[in-house]
Amino acid sequence: MVELVERIEQSLEGVEADKKVIQKLRYAKKNWRKGPFRSSNFHYNPERNCFYCPMGQAMRHIGDRKQKTTNGFEQTISRYQAQNCEGCPLRGSCHKASGERIIEINLF
């Protein structure tokens, strides 16, 4: 994942790219940790504005919310929801809540 992000960043040098896409790429690179079910390790598709879960299911963007930190900084949290977790063989490892999994990504 880290190598892929670095190659994408190199290909975007000198090109006016969407700022949101670049932020998400930097987020993915900075927050890579072991564990396929961590939302920071999910693959992001900027053309469709969606993430993909470990089973390859698209998680569509369902909205944004604003949040203030304890020091007063306002963050934008983007929310993405899976479409069909029922019957997924990885569901028990992925999440325990009822309904479809929702991930929240902080874009700074």
PDB file of N, CA and C in Angstrom:
ATOM      1  N   MET A   1       0.823  -1.192   0.000  1.00  0.00           N
ATOM      2  CA  MET A   1       0.000   0.000   0.000  1.00  0.00           C
ATOM      3  C   MET A   1       0.868   1.256   0.000  1.00  0.00           C
ATOM      4  N   VAL A   2       1.884   1.296   0.858  1.00  0.00           N
ATOM      5  CA  VAL A   2       2.740   2.470   0.955  1.00  0.00           C
ATOM      6  C   VAL A   2       3.438   2.728  -0.372  1.00  0.00           C
ATOM      7  N   GLU A   3       3.919   1.658  -1.020  1.00  0.00           N
ATOM      8  CA  GLU A   3       4.603   1.821  -2.301  1.00  0.00           C
ATOM      9  C   GLU A   3       3.643   2.366  -3.362  1.00  0.00           C
ATOM     10  N   LEU A   4       2.407   1.876  -3.365  1.00  0.00           N
ATOM     11  CA  LEU A   4       1.410   2.351  -4.325  1.00  0.00           C
ATOM     12  C   LEU A   4       1.137   3.833  -4.129  1.00  0.00           C
ATOM     13  N   VAL A   5       0.970   4.254  -2.890  1.00  0.00           N
ATOM     14  CA  VAL A   5       0.713   5.663  -2.594  1.00  0.00           C
ATOM     15  C   VAL A   5       1.886   6.518  -3.052  1.00  0.00           C
ATOM     16  N   GLU A   6       3.117   6.056  -2.793  1.00  0.00           N
ATOM     17  CA  GLU A   6       4.287   6.819  -3.220  1.00  0.00           C
ATOM     18  C   GLU A   6       4.357   6.944  -4.736  1.00  0.00           C
ATOM     19  N   ARG A   7       4.028   5.868  -5.467  1.00  0.00           N
ATOM     20  CA  ARG A   7       4.032   5.941  -6.933  1.00  0.00           C
ATOM     21  C   ARG A   7       2.973   6.912  -7.439  1.00  0.00           C
ATOM     22  N   ILE A   8       1.798   6.907  -6.811  1.00  0.00           N
ATOM     23  CA  ILE A   8       0.741   7.838  -7.222  1.00  0.00           C
ATOM     24  C   ILE A   8       1.162   9.267  -6.941  1.00  0.00           C
ATOM     25  N   GLU A   9       1.762   9.525  -5.762  1.00  0.00           N
ATOM     26  CA  GLU A   9       2.224  10.873  -5.444  1.00  0.00           C
ATOM     27  C   GLU A   9       3.266  11.352  -6.450  1.00  0.00           C
ATOM     28  N   GLN A  10       4.192  10.462  -6.859  1.00  0.00           N
ATOM     29  CA  GLN A  10       5.209  10.830  -7.841  1.00  0.00           C
ATOM     30  C   GLN A  10       4.573  11.170  -9.183  1.00  0.00           C
ATOM     31  N   SER A  11       3.556  10.401  -9.584  1.00  0.00           N
ATOM     32  CA  SER A  11       2.916  10.662 -10.875  1.00  0.00           C
ATOM     33  C   SER A  11       2.123  11.964 -10.855  1.00  0.00           C
ATOM     34  N   LEU A  12       1.738  12.444  -9.659  1.00  0.00           N
ATOM     35  CA  LEU A  12       0.973  13.688  -9.550  1.00  0.00           C
ATOM     36  C   LEU A  12       1.858  14.922  -9.423  1.00  0.00           C
ATOM     37  N   GLU A  13       3.178  14.738  -9.297  1.00  0.00           N
ATOM     38  CA  GLU A  13       4.078  15.885  -9.174  1.00  0.00           C
ATOM     39  C   GLU A  13       3.948  16.781 -10.396  1.00  0.00           C
ATOM     40  N   GLY A  14       3.761  18.055 -10.157  1.00  0.00           N
ATOM     41  CA  GLY A  14       3.655  19.014 -11.241  1.00  0.00           C
ATOM     42  C   GLY A  14       2.275  19.069 -11.878  1.00  0.00           C
ATOM     43  N   VAL A  15       1.357  18.260 -11.398  1.00  0.00           N
ATOM     44  CA  VAL A  15       0.004  18.230 -11.950  1.00  0.00           C
ATOM     45  C   VAL A  15      -0.938  18.814 -10.914  1.00  0.00           C
ATOM     46  N   GLU A  16      -1.882  19.635 -11.379  1.00  0.00           N
ATOM     47  CA  GLU A  16      -2.876  20.169 -10.460  1.00  0.00           C
ATOM     48  C   GLU A  16      -3.905  19.077 -10.211  1.00  0.00           C
ATOM     49  N   ALA A  17      -3.764  18.376  -9.103  1.00  0.00           N
ATOM     50  CA  ALA A  17      -4.679  17.293  -8.751  1.00  0.00           C
ATOM     51  C   ALA A  17      -5.675  17.782  -7.707  1.00  0.00           C
ATOM     52  N   ASP A  18      -6.747  17.064  -7.594  1.00  0.00           N
ATOM     53  CA  ASP A  18      -7.755  17.384  -6.612  1.00  0.00           C
ATOM     54  C   ASP A  18      -7.139  17.314  -5.213  1.00  0.00           C
ATOM     55  N   LYS A  19      -7.272  18.384  -4.444  1.00  0.00           N
ATOM     56  CA  LYS A  19      -6.652  18.465  -3.114  1.00  0.00           C
ATOM     57  C   LYS A  19      -7.174  17.374  -2.182  1.00  0.00           C
ATOM     58  N   LYS A  20      -8.454  17.054  -2.294  1.00  0.00           N
ATOM     59  CA  LYS A  20      -9.048  16.031  -1.443  1.00  0.00           C
ATOM     60  C   LYS A  20      -8.417  14.660  -1.706  1.00  0.00           C
ATOM     61  N   VAL A  21      -8.140  14.358  -2.964  1.00  0.00           N
ATOM     62  CA  VAL A  21      -7.524  13.080  -3.329  1.00  0.00           C
ATOM     63  C   VAL A  21      -6.127  12.990  -2.735  1.00  0.00           C
ATOM     64  N   ILE A  22      -5.352  14.066  -2.859  1.00  0.00           N
ATOM     65  CA  ILE A  22      -3.992  14.079  -2.324  1.00  0.00           C
ATOM     66  C   ILE A  22      -4.019  13.906  -0.808  1.00  0.00           C
ATOM     67  N   GLN A  23      -4.970  14.552  -0.127  1.00  0.00           N
ATOM     68  CA  GLN A  23      -5.077  14.403   1.323  1.00  0.00           C
ATOM     69  C   GLN A  23      -5.376  12.956   1.698  1.00  0.00           C
ATOM     70  N   LYS A  24      -6.261  12.306   0.951  1.00  0.00           N
ATOM     71  CA  LYS A  24      -6.605  10.917   1.255  1.00  0.00           C
ATOM     72  C   LYS A  24      -5.414  10.000   1.013  1.00  0.00           C
ATOM     73  N   LEU A  25      -4.636  10.283  -0.032  1.00  0.00           N
ATOM     74  CA  LEU A  25      -3.445   9.467  -0.285  1.00  0.00           C
ATOM     75  C   LEU A  25      -2.432   9.625   0.840  1.00  0.00           C
ATOM     76  N   ARG A  26      -2.228  10.854   1.283  1.00  0.00           N
ATOM     77  CA  ARG A  26      -1.293  11.083   2.384  1.00  0.00           C
ATOM     78  C   ARG A  26      -1.792  10.424   3.661  1.00  0.00           C
ATOM     79  N   TYR A  27      -3.099  10.484   3.882  1.00  0.00           N
ATOM     80  CA  TYR A  27      -3.687   9.834   5.047  1.00  0.00           C
ATOM     81  C   TYR A  27      -3.419   8.333   5.010  1.00  0.00           C
ATOM     82  N   ALA A  28      -3.638   7.716   3.856  1.00  0.00           N
ATOM     83  CA  ALA A  28      -3.431   6.269   3.723  1.00  0.00           C
ATOM     84  C   ALA A  28      -1.966   5.915   3.973  1.00  0.00           C
ATOM     85  N   LYS A  29      -1.052   6.713   3.442  1.00  0.00           N
ATOM     86  CA  LYS A  29       0.376   6.436   3.605  1.00  0.00           C
ATOM     87  C   LYS A  29       0.792   6.586   5.071  1.00  0.00           C
ATOM     88  N   LYS A  30       0.346   7.662   5.696  1.00  0.00           N
ATOM     89  CA  LYS A  30       0.751   7.972   7.060  1.00  0.00           C
ATOM     90  C   LYS A  30       0.183   6.977   8.075  1.00  0.00           C
ATOM     91  N   ASN A  31      -1.005   6.474   7.807  1.00  0.00           N
ATOM     92  CA  ASN A  31      -1.694   5.654   8.793  1.00  0.00           C
ATOM     93  C   ASN A  31      -1.671   4.163   8.493  1.00  0.00           C
ATOM     94  N   TRP A  32      -0.811   3.721   7.588  1.00  0.00           N
ATOM     95  CA  TRP A  32      -0.753   2.298   7.292  1.00  0.00           C
ATOM     96  C   TRP A  32      -0.293   1.535   8.531  1.00  0.00           C
ATOM     97  N   ARG A  33      -1.083   0.594   8.923  1.00  0.00           N
ATOM     98  CA  ARG A  33      -0.744  -0.288  10.036  1.00  0.00           C
ATOM     99  C   ARG A  33      -1.203  -1.683   9.673  1.00  0.00           C
ATOM    100  N   LYS A  34      -0.686  -2.666  10.382  1.00  0.00           N
ATOM    101  CA  LYS A  34      -1.093  -4.033  10.111  1.00  0.00           C
ATOM    102  C   LYS A  34      -2.556  -4.219  10.486  1.00  0.00           C
ATOM    103  N   GLY A  35      -3.240  -5.035   9.729  1.00  0.00           N
ATOM    104  CA  GLY A  35      -4.646  -5.335  10.008  1.00  0.00           C
ATOM    105  C   GLY A  35      -5.515  -4.972   8.828  1.00  0.00           C
ATOM    106  N   PRO A  36      -6.009  -5.959   8.088  1.00  0.00           N
ATOM    107  CA  PRO A  36      -6.796  -5.670   6.891  1.00  0.00           C
ATOM    108  C   PRO A  36      -8.148  -5.029   7.171  1.00  0.00           C
ATOM    109  N   PHE A  37      -8.620  -5.066   8.419  1.00  0.00           N
ATOM    110  CA  PHE A  37      -9.950  -4.527   8.718  1.00  0.00           C
ATOM    111  C   PHE A  37      -9.921  -3.108   9.269  1.00  0.00           C
ATOM    112  N   ARG A  38      -8.742  -2.527   9.390  1.00  0.00           N
ATOM    113  CA  ARG A  38      -8.636  -1.125   9.802  1.00  0.00           C
ATOM    114  C   ARG A  38      -9.081  -0.254   8.627  1.00  0.00           C
ATOM    115  N   SER A  39      -9.946   0.683   8.898  1.00  0.00           N
ATOM    116  CA  SER A  39     -10.464   1.518   7.807  1.00  0.00           C
ATOM    117  C   SER A  39      -9.355   2.302   7.105  1.00  0.00           C
ATOM    118  N   SER A  40      -8.270   2.608   7.808  1.00  0.00           N
ATOM    119  CA  SER A  40      -7.172   3.342   7.184  1.00  0.00           C
ATOM    120  C   SER A  40      -6.427   2.485   6.160  1.00  0.00           C
ATOM    121  N   ASN A  41      -6.665   1.173   6.162  1.00  0.00           N
ATOM    122  CA  ASN A  41      -6.021   0.282   5.199  1.00  0.00           C
ATOM    123  C   ASN A  41      -6.923  -0.078   4.016  1.00  0.00           C
ATOM    124  N   PHE A  42      -8.151   0.416   3.990  1.00  0.00           N
ATOM    125  CA  PHE A  42      -9.049   0.131   2.881  1.00  0.00           C
ATOM    126  C   PHE A  42      -8.589   0.913   1.645  1.00  0.00           C
ATOM    127  N   HIS A  43      -8.814   0.341   0.481  1.00  0.00           N
ATOM    128  CA  HIS A  43      -8.428   0.987  -0.777  1.00  0.00           C
ATOM    129  C   HIS A  43      -9.436   2.083  -1.119  1.00  0.00           C
ATOM    130  N   TYR A  44      -8.939   3.243  -1.540  1.00  0.00           N
ATOM    131  CA  TYR A  44      -9.793   4.367  -1.935  1.00  0.00           C
ATOM    132  C   TYR A  44      -9.758   4.556  -3.445  1.00  0.00           C
ATOM    133  N   ASN A  45     -10.938   4.732  -4.054  1.00  0.00           N
ATOM    134  CA  ASN A  45     -11.060   5.000  -5.482  1.00  0.00           C
ATOM    135  C   ASN A  45     -11.524   6.449  -5.648  1.00  0.00           C
ATOM    136  N   PRO A  46     -10.637   7.351  -6.063  1.00  0.00           N
ATOM    137  CA  PRO A  46     -11.021   8.768  -6.161  1.00  0.00           C
ATOM    138  C   PRO A  46     -12.040   9.055  -7.265  1.00  0.00           C
ATOM    139  N   GLU A  47     -12.046   8.283  -8.339  1.00  0.00           N
ATOM    140  CA  GLU A  47     -13.007   8.523  -9.417  1.00  0.00           C
ATOM    141  C   GLU A  47     -14.439   8.267  -8.951  1.00  0.00           C
ATOM    142  N   ARG A  48     -14.623   7.256  -8.113  1.00  0.00           N
ATOM    143  CA  ARG A  48     -15.957   6.906  -7.620  1.00  0.00           C
ATOM    144  C   ARG A  48     -16.221   7.447  -6.216  1.00  0.00           C
ATOM    145  N   ASN A  49     -15.208   8.051  -5.598  1.00  0.00           N
ATOM    146  CA  ASN A  49     -15.297   8.541  -4.224  1.00  0.00           C
ATOM    147  C   ASN A  49     -15.855   7.448  -3.305  1.00  0.00           C
ATOM    148  N   CYS A  50     -15.187   6.294  -3.328  1.00  0.00           N
ATOM    149  CA  CYS A  50     -15.609   5.203  -2.458  1.00  0.00           C
ATOM    150  C   CYS A  50     -14.386   4.433  -1.975  1.00  0.00           C
ATOM    151  N   PHE A  51     -14.566   3.732  -0.871  1.00  0.00           N
ATOM    152  CA  PHE A  51     -13.555   2.837  -0.343  1.00  0.00           C
ATOM    153  C   PHE A  51     -13.983   1.414  -0.658  1.00  0.00           C
ATOM    154  N   TYR A  52     -13.029   0.485  -0.597  1.00  0.00           N
ATOM    155  CA  TYR A  52     -13.339  -0.927  -0.797  1.00  0.00           C
ATOM    156  C   TYR A  52     -12.926  -1.697   0.451  1.00  0.00           C
ATOM    157  N   CYS A  53     -13.829  -2.541   0.931  1.00  0.00           N
ATOM    158  CA  CYS A  53     -13.560  -3.370   2.098  1.00  0.00           C
ATOM    159  C   CYS A  53     -12.638  -4.526   1.694  1.00  0.00           C
ATOM    160  N   PRO A  54     -12.144  -5.311   2.652  1.00  0.00           N
ATOM    161  CA  PRO A  54     -11.246  -6.428   2.314  1.00  0.00           C
ATOM    162  C   PRO A  54     -11.866  -7.466   1.367  1.00  0.00           C
ATOM    163  N   MET A  55     -13.199  -7.544   1.300  1.00  0.00           N
ATOM    164  CA  MET A  55     -13.861  -8.472   0.370  1.00  0.00           C
ATOM    165  C   MET A  55     -14.069  -7.837  -1.007  1.00  0.00           C
ATOM    166  N   GLY A  56     -13.671  -6.577  -1.164  1.00  0.00           N
ATOM    167  CA  GLY A  56     -13.792  -5.903  -2.450  1.00  0.00           C
ATOM    168  C   GLY A  56     -15.113  -5.195  -2.666  1.00  0.00           C
ATOM    169  N   GLN A  57     -15.936  -5.107  -1.640  1.00  0.00           N
ATOM    170  CA  GLN A  57     -17.228  -4.434  -1.750  1.00  0.00           C
ATOM    171  C   GLN A  57     -17.042  -2.918  -1.672  1.00  0.00           C
ATOM    172  N   ALA A  58     -17.693  -2.202  -2.563  1.00  0.00           N
ATOM    173  CA  ALA A  58     -17.618  -0.742  -2.552  1.00  0.00           C
ATOM    174  C   ALA A  58     -18.375  -0.188  -1.358  1.00  0.00           C
ATOM    175  N   MET A  59     -17.764   0.785  -0.710  1.00  0.00           N
ATOM    176  CA  MET A  59     -18.391   1.483   0.411  1.00  0.00           C
ATOM    177  C   MET A  59     -18.633   2.915  -0.050  1.00  0.00           C
ATOM    178  N   ARG A  60     -19.905   3.246  -0.274  1.00  0.00           N
ATOM    179  CA  ARG A  60     -20.232   4.553  -0.858  1.00  0.00           C
ATOM    180  C   ARG A  60     -20.218   5.666   0.185  1.00  0.00           C
ATOM    181  N   HIS A  61     -19.946   6.871  -0.297  1.00  0.00           N
ATOM    182  CA  HIS A  61     -19.904   8.059   0.559  1.00  0.00           C
ATOM    183  C   HIS A  61     -21.331   8.402   0.966  1.00  0.00           C
ATOM    184  N   ILE A  62     -21.581   8.496   2.267  1.00  0.00           N
ATOM    185  CA  ILE A  62     -22.932   8.798   2.745  1.00  0.00           C
ATOM    186  C   ILE A  62     -23.032  10.170   3.394  1.00  0.00           C
ATOM    187  N   GLY A  63     -21.939  10.904   3.421  1.00  0.00           N
ATOM    188  CA  GLY A  63     -22.005  12.257   3.957  1.00  0.00           C
ATOM    189  C   GLY A  63     -20.773  12.638   4.753  1.00  0.00           C
ATOM    190  N   ASP A  64     -20.766  13.897   5.169  1.00  0.00           N
ATOM    191  CA  ASP A  64     -19.687  14.455   5.973  1.00  0.00           C
ATOM    192  C   ASP A  64     -20.284  15.038   7.241  1.00  0.00           C
ATOM    193  N   ARG A  65     -19.472  15.119   8.248  1.00  0.00           N
ATOM    194  CA  ARG A  65     -19.882  15.801   9.467  1.00  0.00           C
ATOM    195  C   ARG A  65     -18.701  16.604   9.987  1.00  0.00           C
ATOM    196  N   LYS A  66     -18.993  17.676  10.686  1.00  0.00           N
ATOM    197  CA  LYS A  66     -17.964  18.529  11.278  1.00  0.00           C
ATOM    198  C   LYS A  66     -17.808  18.145  12.745  1.00  0.00           C
ATOM    199  N   GLN A  67     -16.578  18.237  13.212  1.00  0.00           N
ATOM    200  CA  GLN A  67     -16.274  17.905  14.605  1.00  0.00           C
ATOM    201  C   GLN A  67     -15.193  18.848  15.086  1.00  0.00           C
ATOM    202  N   LYS A  68     -15.346  19.356  16.296  1.00  0.00           N
ATOM    203  CA  LYS A  68     -14.318  20.219  16.876  1.00  0.00           C
ATOM    204  C   LYS A  68     -13.478  19.424  17.856  1.00  0.00           C
ATOM    205  N   THR A  69     -12.164  19.619  17.756  1.00  0.00           N
ATOM    206  CA  THR A  69     -11.258  18.969  18.695  1.00  0.00           C
ATOM    207  C   THR A  69     -11.267  19.736  20.011  1.00  0.00           C
ATOM    208  N   THR A  70     -10.611  19.186  21.015  1.00  0.00           N
ATOM    209  CA  THR A  70     -10.571  19.849  22.324  1.00  0.00           C
ATOM    210  C   THR A  70      -9.862  21.202  22.271  1.00  0.00           C
ATOM    211  N   ASN A  71      -8.967  21.391  21.280  1.00  0.00           N
ATOM    212  CA  ASN A  71      -8.289  22.693  21.165  1.00  0.00           C
ATOM    213  C   ASN A  71      -8.983  23.630  20.181  1.00  0.00           C
ATOM    214  N   GLY A  72     -10.193  23.264  19.722  1.00  0.00           N
ATOM    215  CA  GLY A  72     -10.992  24.155  18.893  1.00  0.00           C
ATOM    216  C   GLY A  72     -10.818  24.013  17.396  1.00  0.00           C
ATOM    217  N   PHE A  73      -9.977  23.090  16.947  1.00  0.00           N
ATOM    218  CA  PHE A  73      -9.776  22.886  15.514  1.00  0.00           C
ATOM    219  C   PHE A  73     -10.963  22.128  14.936  1.00  0.00           C
ATOM    220  N   GLU A  74     -11.505  22.620  13.819  1.00  0.00           N
ATOM    221  CA  GLU A  74     -12.651  21.958  13.194  1.00  0.00           C
ATOM    222  C   GLU A  74     -12.181  20.944  12.159  1.00  0.00           C
ATOM    223  N   GLN A  75     -12.661  19.702  12.289  1.00  0.00           N
ATOM    224  CA  GLN A  75     -12.305  18.622  11.369  1.00  0.00           C
ATOM    225  C   GLN A  75     -13.522  18.259  10.523  1.00  0.00           C
ATOM    226  N   THR A  76     -13.266  17.780   9.311  1.00  0.00           N
ATOM    227  CA  THR A  76     -14.317  17.231   8.473  1.00  0.00           C
ATOM    228  C   THR A  76     -14.152  15.719   8.462  1.00  0.00           C
ATOM    229  N   ILE A  77     -15.169  15.021   8.900  1.00  0.00           N
ATOM    230  CA  ILE A  77     -15.160  13.571   8.939  1.00  0.00           C
ATOM    231  C   ILE A  77     -16.051  13.069   7.808  1.00  0.00           C
ATOM    232  N   SER A  78     -15.477  12.313   6.868  1.00  0.00           N
ATOM    233  CA  SER A  78     -16.243  11.725   5.770  1.00  0.00           C
ATOM    234  C   SER A  78     -16.682  10.328   6.179  1.00  0.00           C
ATOM    235  N   ARG A  79     -17.940   9.995   5.887  1.00  0.00           N
ATOM    236  CA  ARG A  79     -18.510   8.696   6.256  1.00  0.00           C
ATOM    237  C   ARG A  79     -18.791   7.877   5.002  1.00  0.00           C
ATOM    238  N   TYR A  80     -18.433   6.590   5.061  1.00  0.00           N
ATOM    239  CA  TYR A  80     -18.634   5.656   3.959  1.00  0.00           C
ATOM    240  C   TYR A  80     -19.301   4.397   4.515  1.00  0.00           C
ATOM    241  N   GLN A  81     -20.291   3.866   3.775  1.00  0.00           N
ATOM    242  CA  GLN A  81     -21.032   2.716   4.257  1.00  0.00           C
ATOM    243  C   GLN A  81     -21.000   1.576   3.248  1.00  0.00           C
ATOM    244  N   ALA A  82     -20.805   0.356   3.773  1.00  0.00           N
ATOM    245  CA  ALA A  82     -20.863  -0.848   2.938  1.00  0.00           C
ATOM    246  C   ALA A  82     -22.318  -1.076   2.517  1.00  0.00           C
ATOM    247  N   GLN A  83     -22.507  -1.809   1.439  1.00  0.00           N
ATOM    248  CA  GLN A  83     -23.852  -2.020   0.911  1.00  0.00           C
ATOM    249  C   GLN A  83     -24.481  -3.346   1.328  1.00  0.00           C
ATOM    250  N   ASN A  84     -23.652  -4.361   1.585  1.00  0.00           N
ATOM    251  CA  ASN A  84     -24.220  -5.662   1.890  1.00  0.00           C
ATOM    252  C   ASN A  84     -23.254  -6.499   2.728  1.00  0.00           C
ATOM    253  N   CYS A  85     -23.279  -6.300   4.039  1.00  0.00           N
ATOM    254  CA  CYS A  85     -22.407  -7.073   4.932  1.00  0.00           C
ATOM    255  C   CYS A  85     -23.035  -8.413   5.319  1.00  0.00           C
ATOM    256  N   GLU A  86     -24.342  -8.521   5.165  1.00  0.00           N
ATOM    257  CA  GLU A  86     -25.027  -9.749   5.558  1.00  0.00           C
ATOM    258  C   GLU A  86     -24.535 -10.925   4.714  1.00  0.00           C
ATOM    259  N   GLY A  87     -24.132 -11.983   5.382  1.00  0.00           N
ATOM    260  CA  GLY A  87     -23.649 -13.168   4.690  1.00  0.00           C
ATOM    261  C   GLY A  87     -22.175 -13.127   4.323  1.00  0.00           C
ATOM    262  N   CYS A  88     -21.493 -12.042   4.616  1.00  0.00           N
ATOM    263  CA  CYS A  88     -20.064 -11.936   4.300  1.00  0.00           C
ATOM    264  C   CYS A  88     -19.276 -12.869   5.216  1.00  0.00           C
ATOM    265  N   PRO A  89     -18.377 -13.696   4.670  1.00  0.00           N
ATOM    266  CA  PRO A  89     -17.613 -14.613   5.518  1.00  0.00           C
ATOM    267  C   PRO A  89     -16.622 -13.908   6.456  1.00  0.00           C
ATOM    268  N   LEU A  90     -16.307 -12.641   6.180  1.00  0.00           N
ATOM    269  CA  LEU A  90     -15.364 -11.895   7.018  1.00  0.00           C
ATOM    270  C   LEU A  90     -16.047 -10.973   8.026  1.00  0.00           C
ATOM    271  N   ARG A  91     -17.372 -10.978   8.028  1.00  0.00           N
ATOM    272  CA  ARG A  91     -18.102 -10.020   8.862  1.00  0.00           C
ATOM    273  C   ARG A  91     -17.691 -10.085  10.334  1.00  0.00           C
ATOM    274  N   GLY A  92     -17.553 -11.254  10.906  1.00  0.00           N
ATOM    275  CA  GLY A  92     -17.193 -11.391  12.314  1.00  0.00           C
ATOM    276  C   GLY A  92     -15.852 -10.763  12.651  1.00  0.00           C
ATOM    277  N   SER A  93     -14.932 -10.766  11.711  1.00  0.00           N
ATOM    278  CA  SER A  93     -13.620 -10.155  11.923  1.00  0.00           C
ATOM    279  C   SER A  93     -13.647  -8.670  11.603  1.00  0.00           C
ATOM    280  N   CYS A  94     -14.533  -8.274  10.718  1.00  0.00           N
ATOM    281  CA  CYS A  94     -14.590  -6.897  10.222  1.00  0.00           C
ATOM    282  C   CYS A  94     -15.322  -5.972  11.196  1.00  0.00           C
ATOM    283  N   HIS A  95     -16.527  -6.384  11.629  1.00  0.00           N
ATOM    284  CA  HIS A  95     -17.263  -5.569  12.602  1.00  0.00           C
ATOM    285  C   HIS A  95     -18.348  -6.395  13.271  1.00  0.00           C
ATOM    286  N   LYS A  96     -18.726  -5.958  14.446  1.00  0.00           N
ATOM    287  CA  LYS A  96     -19.679  -6.707  15.264  1.00  0.00           C
ATOM    288  C   LYS A  96     -21.065  -6.050  15.315  1.00  0.00           C
ATOM    289  N   ALA A  97     -21.181  -4.820  14.875  1.00  0.00           N
ATOM    290  CA  ALA A  97     -22.439  -4.084  14.971  1.00  0.00           C
ATOM    291  C   ALA A  97     -23.494  -4.656  14.028  1.00  0.00           C
ATOM    292  N   SER A  98     -24.748  -4.404  14.349  1.00  0.00           N
ATOM    293  CA  SER A  98     -25.814  -4.812  13.439  1.00  0.00           C
ATOM    294  C   SER A  98     -25.847  -3.827  12.272  1.00  0.00           C
ATOM    295  N   GLY A  99     -26.323  -4.273  11.153  1.00  0.00           N
ATOM    296  CA  GLY A  99     -26.376  -3.411   9.973  1.00  0.00           C
ATOM    297  C   GLY A  99     -25.070  -3.437   9.198  1.00  0.00           C
ATOM    298  N   GLU A 100     -24.947  -2.508   8.288  1.00  0.00           N
ATOM    299  CA  GLU A 100     -23.776  -2.436   7.406  1.00  0.00           C
ATOM    300  C   GLU A 100     -22.668  -1.627   8.075  1.00  0.00           C
ATOM    301  N   ARG A 101     -21.434  -1.982   7.771  1.00  0.00           N
ATOM    302  CA  ARG A 101     -20.299  -1.284   8.368  1.00  0.00           C
ATOM    303  C   ARG A 101     -20.198   0.135   7.819  1.00  0.00           C
ATOM    304  N   ILE A 102     -19.911   1.054   8.721  1.00  0.00           N
ATOM    305  CA  ILE A 102     -19.678   2.459   8.370  1.00  0.00           C
ATOM    306  C   ILE A 102     -18.283   2.812   8.859  1.00  0.00           C
ATOM    307  N   ILE A 103     -17.488   3.413   7.970  1.00  0.00           N
ATOM    308  CA  ILE A 103     -16.175   3.894   8.372  1.00  0.00           C
ATOM    309  C   ILE A 103     -16.180   5.419   8.336  1.00  0.00           C
ATOM    310  N   GLU A 104     -15.354   6.013   9.166  1.00  0.00           N
ATOM    311  CA  GLU A 104     -15.224   7.453   9.206  1.00  0.00           C
ATOM    312  C   GLU A 104     -13.768   7.803   8.973  1.00  0.00           C
ATOM    313  N   ILE A 105     -13.536   8.685   8.014  1.00  0.00           N
ATOM    314  CA  ILE A 105     -12.190   9.101   7.637  1.00  0.00           C
ATOM    315  C   ILE A 105     -12.045  10.595   7.917  1.00  0.00           C
ATOM    316  N   ASN A 106     -11.009  10.959   8.670  1.00  0.00           N
ATOM    317  CA  ASN A 106     -10.729  12.347   8.986  1.00  0.00           C
ATOM    318  C   ASN A 106      -9.852  12.940   7.898  1.00  0.00           C
ATOM    319  N   LEU A 107     -10.364  13.951   7.212  1.00  0.00           N
ATOM    320  CA  LEU A 107      -9.605  14.588   6.141  1.00  0.00           C
ATOM    321  C   LEU A 107      -8.859  15.820   6.598  1.00  0.00           C
ATOM    322  N   PHE A 108      -8.648  15.996   7.893  1.00  0.00           N
ATOM    323  CA  PHE A 108      -7.922  17.104   8.517  1.00  0.00           C
ATOM    324  C   PHE A 108      -8.818  18.253   8.813  1.00  0.00           C
TER     325      PHE A 108
END
